[in-house]
Structures are given as structure tokens and as C-alpha cells.
Protein backbone atom coordinates (compact mmCIF):
# COMPACT_ATOMS: atom_id res chain seq x y z
CA MET A 1 122.16 185.57 209.63
CA ALA A 2 124.04 186.57 206.48
CA GLN A 3 123.21 184.96 203.14
CA GLN A 4 125.62 182.16 202.24
CA PHE A 5 126.53 181.87 198.58
CA ALA A 6 127.62 178.93 196.46
CA ALA A 7 130.87 179.16 194.55
CA PRO A 8 130.39 180.06 190.87
CA ASN A 9 130.61 176.91 188.72
CA GLY A 10 130.29 177.57 184.99
CA LEU A 11 127.14 179.09 183.52
CA TRP A 12 124.64 180.94 185.70
CA ILE A 13 120.92 181.64 185.44
CA LEU A 14 118.63 184.22 187.05
CA ARG A 15 116.02 182.95 189.50
CA LYS A 16 113.02 184.05 187.39
CA ASP A 17 114.53 182.50 184.26
CA ALA A 18 115.20 179.21 186.06
CA GLN A 19 111.60 179.12 187.27
CA LYS A 20 110.30 179.65 183.71
CA GLN A 21 112.75 177.39 181.86
CA TYR A 22 112.53 174.46 184.29
CA ASN A 23 108.89 174.89 185.40
CA LEU A 24 109.87 175.42 189.05
CA ALA A 25 107.62 176.67 191.81
CA PRO A 26 108.83 179.89 193.51
CA SER A 27 109.99 178.02 196.62
CA ASP A 28 111.83 175.22 194.75
CA LEU A 29 114.96 177.33 194.35
CA ASP A 30 115.04 178.04 198.08
CA GLY A 31 116.65 174.61 198.40
CA ILE A 32 119.93 175.67 196.75
CA ARG A 33 122.29 178.54 197.41
CA PRO A 34 122.56 181.37 194.89
CA ILE A 35 125.95 182.50 193.64
CA SER A 36 125.00 186.17 194.01
CA GLN A 37 122.29 188.53 195.14
CA GLU A 38 121.96 192.02 193.70
CA GLU A 39 119.53 194.87 194.05
CA ASN A 40 116.98 194.91 191.23
CA PRO A 41 118.30 197.44 188.66
CA HIS A 42 114.72 198.14 187.53
CA GLY A 43 113.70 199.23 191.01
CA GLY A 44 111.48 196.24 191.68
CA PRO A 45 110.72 195.01 195.18
CA HIS A 46 112.72 191.78 194.84
CA ASP A 47 116.48 191.32 194.62
CA MET A 48 117.99 189.47 191.65
CA PHE A 49 119.45 186.07 192.46
CA ARG A 50 121.86 184.17 190.21
CA TYR A 51 122.30 180.39 190.44
CA ASN A 52 124.73 177.92 188.93
CA VAL A 53 122.97 176.23 186.01
CA ILE A 54 124.44 172.88 187.09
CA ASP A 55 122.88 173.28 190.56
CA VAL A 56 119.47 174.11 189.07
CA GLN A 57 119.67 171.13 186.68
CA ALA A 58 120.60 168.79 189.54
CA LEU A 59 117.69 170.17 191.58
CA VAL A 60 115.30 169.60 188.69
CA GLN A 61 116.54 166.04 188.25
CA CYS A 62 116.14 165.29 191.95
CA ILE A 63 112.60 166.55 192.28
CA GLN A 64 111.61 165.20 188.87
CA VAL A 65 109.97 168.40 187.68
CA TYR A 66 108.32 168.22 184.27
CA ALA A 67 110.90 170.44 182.54
CA ASP A 68 109.86 169.19 179.10
CA PRO A 69 106.53 170.76 178.09
CA SER A 70 105.71 167.67 176.03
CA THR A 71 105.48 165.62 179.23
CA GLY A 72 102.69 166.19 181.64
CA PRO A 73 101.20 164.96 184.89
CA ASN A 74 99.59 162.00 183.11
CA ASP A 75 102.92 160.57 181.95
CA LEU A 76 104.22 157.84 184.23
CA ALA A 77 107.79 157.33 185.37
CA PRO A 78 109.40 153.90 184.89
CA ARG A 79 109.35 151.66 187.94
CA ASN A 80 112.69 151.61 189.72
CA GLY A 81 112.85 149.30 192.76
CA LEU A 82 110.24 149.32 195.51
CA ARG A 83 107.02 151.31 195.19
CA ILE A 84 104.98 153.18 197.80
CA LEU A 85 101.32 154.14 197.88
CA HIS A 86 100.52 157.87 197.97
CA MET A 87 98.68 157.71 201.31
CA ARG A 88 101.35 155.51 202.89
CA ALA A 89 104.05 157.99 201.85
CA LEU A 90 102.08 160.86 203.40
CA GLU A 91 101.59 158.99 206.66
CA THR A 92 104.98 157.28 206.95
CA TYR A 93 107.09 160.35 206.18
CA SER A 94 104.75 163.05 207.59
CA LEU A 95 104.50 164.76 204.21
CA GLN A 96 101.96 167.16 202.80
CA PRO A 97 100.26 166.32 199.49
CA CYS A 98 101.99 169.24 197.74
CA GLN A 99 105.35 167.69 198.56
CA LEU A 100 104.49 164.60 196.52
CA ASP A 101 103.03 166.56 193.61
CA ARG A 102 106.52 167.09 192.16
CA ILE A 103 107.23 163.35 191.87
CA LYS A 104 106.09 161.39 188.83
CA LEU A 105 103.76 158.51 189.50
CA ILE A 106 104.74 155.01 188.38
CA SER A 107 101.20 153.61 188.31
CA ILE A 108 97.57 154.47 188.93
CA GLU A 109 95.31 151.55 189.81
CA THR A 110 91.64 151.11 190.63
CA ASN A 111 91.07 150.84 194.37
CA PRO A 112 90.32 147.13 194.95
CA HIS A 113 88.55 147.86 198.25
CA ASN A 114 86.13 150.45 196.87
CA HIS A 115 85.77 150.93 193.11
CA ASN A 116 84.08 154.30 193.66
CA ALA A 117 86.98 155.66 195.69
CA ALA A 118 89.88 157.64 194.26
CA PRO A 119 92.41 155.51 192.38
CA MET A 120 95.51 154.27 194.18
CA ARG A 121 98.61 156.22 193.16
CA TYR A 122 102.07 154.68 193.44
CA TYR A 123 105.52 156.30 193.43
CA ASN A 124 109.02 154.89 193.32
CA LEU A 125 110.09 154.63 196.96
CA ASN A 126 113.54 156.01 196.10
CA GLY A 127 111.88 159.04 194.42
CA VAL A 128 109.96 159.76 197.62
CA GLN A 129 113.13 159.36 199.69
CA VAL A 130 115.03 161.76 197.43
CA ARG A 131 112.21 164.31 197.77
CA ILE A 132 112.29 163.95 201.57
CA SER A 133 116.06 164.48 201.59
CA LEU A 134 115.66 167.57 199.45
CA ILE A 135 112.94 168.96 201.66
CA ARG A 136 115.06 168.42 204.74
CA GLY A 137 118.10 170.01 203.13
CA MET A 138 120.38 166.98 203.08
CA MET A 139 120.95 166.55 199.34
CA SER A 140 124.70 167.12 199.31
CA TRP A 141 125.36 163.54 200.46
CA PHE A 142 123.02 162.16 197.80
CA LEU A 143 124.64 163.96 194.89
CA ASN A 144 128.11 162.71 195.90
CA GLY A 145 129.65 166.14 195.91
CA VAL A 146 128.05 167.42 192.68
CA LEU A 147 126.62 170.37 194.55
CA ALA A 148 129.05 170.14 197.46
CA GLY A 149 126.94 171.84 200.06
CA SER A 150 124.87 174.10 197.80
CA PHE A 151 121.64 172.98 199.45
CA THR A 152 120.40 174.82 202.50
CA SER A 153 118.34 173.47 205.36
CA ASN A 154 115.39 175.82 204.87
CA TYR A 155 113.69 174.12 201.92
CA SER A 156 109.95 174.57 202.05
CA CYS A 157 107.08 172.77 200.44
CA CYS A 158 105.07 173.66 197.34
């Protein structure tokens, strides 16, 4: 199957630069379509991919990556609607732990059933649902046409 490309839309960024600048995992960019693919001019084993900056920024916003180095995994997101427990999200939506690692927690609480157990971690339910949509390649409906079909259906975890 031939590679499908997104239409150019303003500024572009190389895949490796997007990963560095926005703190993305190598597979995160597999969820959006590049605007071009070229042979590596330095003779490297990997082709060069260019992406629309607006698509990368929308992707970062959706998966809530810590793009700002001053924020870290211990910073909590503000609560926004219903919340869901980490284990319940894994079980209910058949997720892997690495798929939730990219979502900011809204609270960490002592386990009331066993104080020696791991703390209970809560996420915004809508943040988990957005992540699921992204993983399953259905983000174009969520972004109301911002990316207009830039997402592919082969998004992988981690």
C-alpha cells in the first residue's frame, strides 16, 4: 500500500526535530500523516519525513505530552469532568500501561483498602477517551476538521 501524505499546511518540521522539540516517542508520530518522505541525503538507513507543524502541535495537545521541560511527571493536570482510576481505565478500555503514561494524572491518593499498596492514580476520563481515539486512529472527528484526516489507523502504543 502506497504512503498517503497530508496536504502541506504552513510550516513543516522534520520527524527527528519534532521528536526532540515536543518530547515525542518514536511511534507517536505514526499517528499522523507526513507531508513528504525523502531519501536521507546523508545516506542513513531511514528516510526523512516532514510533518505539518500544526498537525504535530495538535497531536501533542491531544496526548498531553510534557513538551515544556519545566513540567514533569509529578505535575498534575487540572480536573476536568469525570475521573477514572488507572486500573479501571486499563481494564475497561483494554489498554496497556504505556498507553496511559502519556496522560497527565489529576490526583494520586493513598489506597484506602491497603495503605502499603501502590497509590491510586486518577486521570480525567475525557483525557483517557481522547488517548483511546488517537490510538485507534479516529482523531479527525475530535479535532473538528483541524487535521482533516491527517491521522492514520495504524497508531501504535509507546
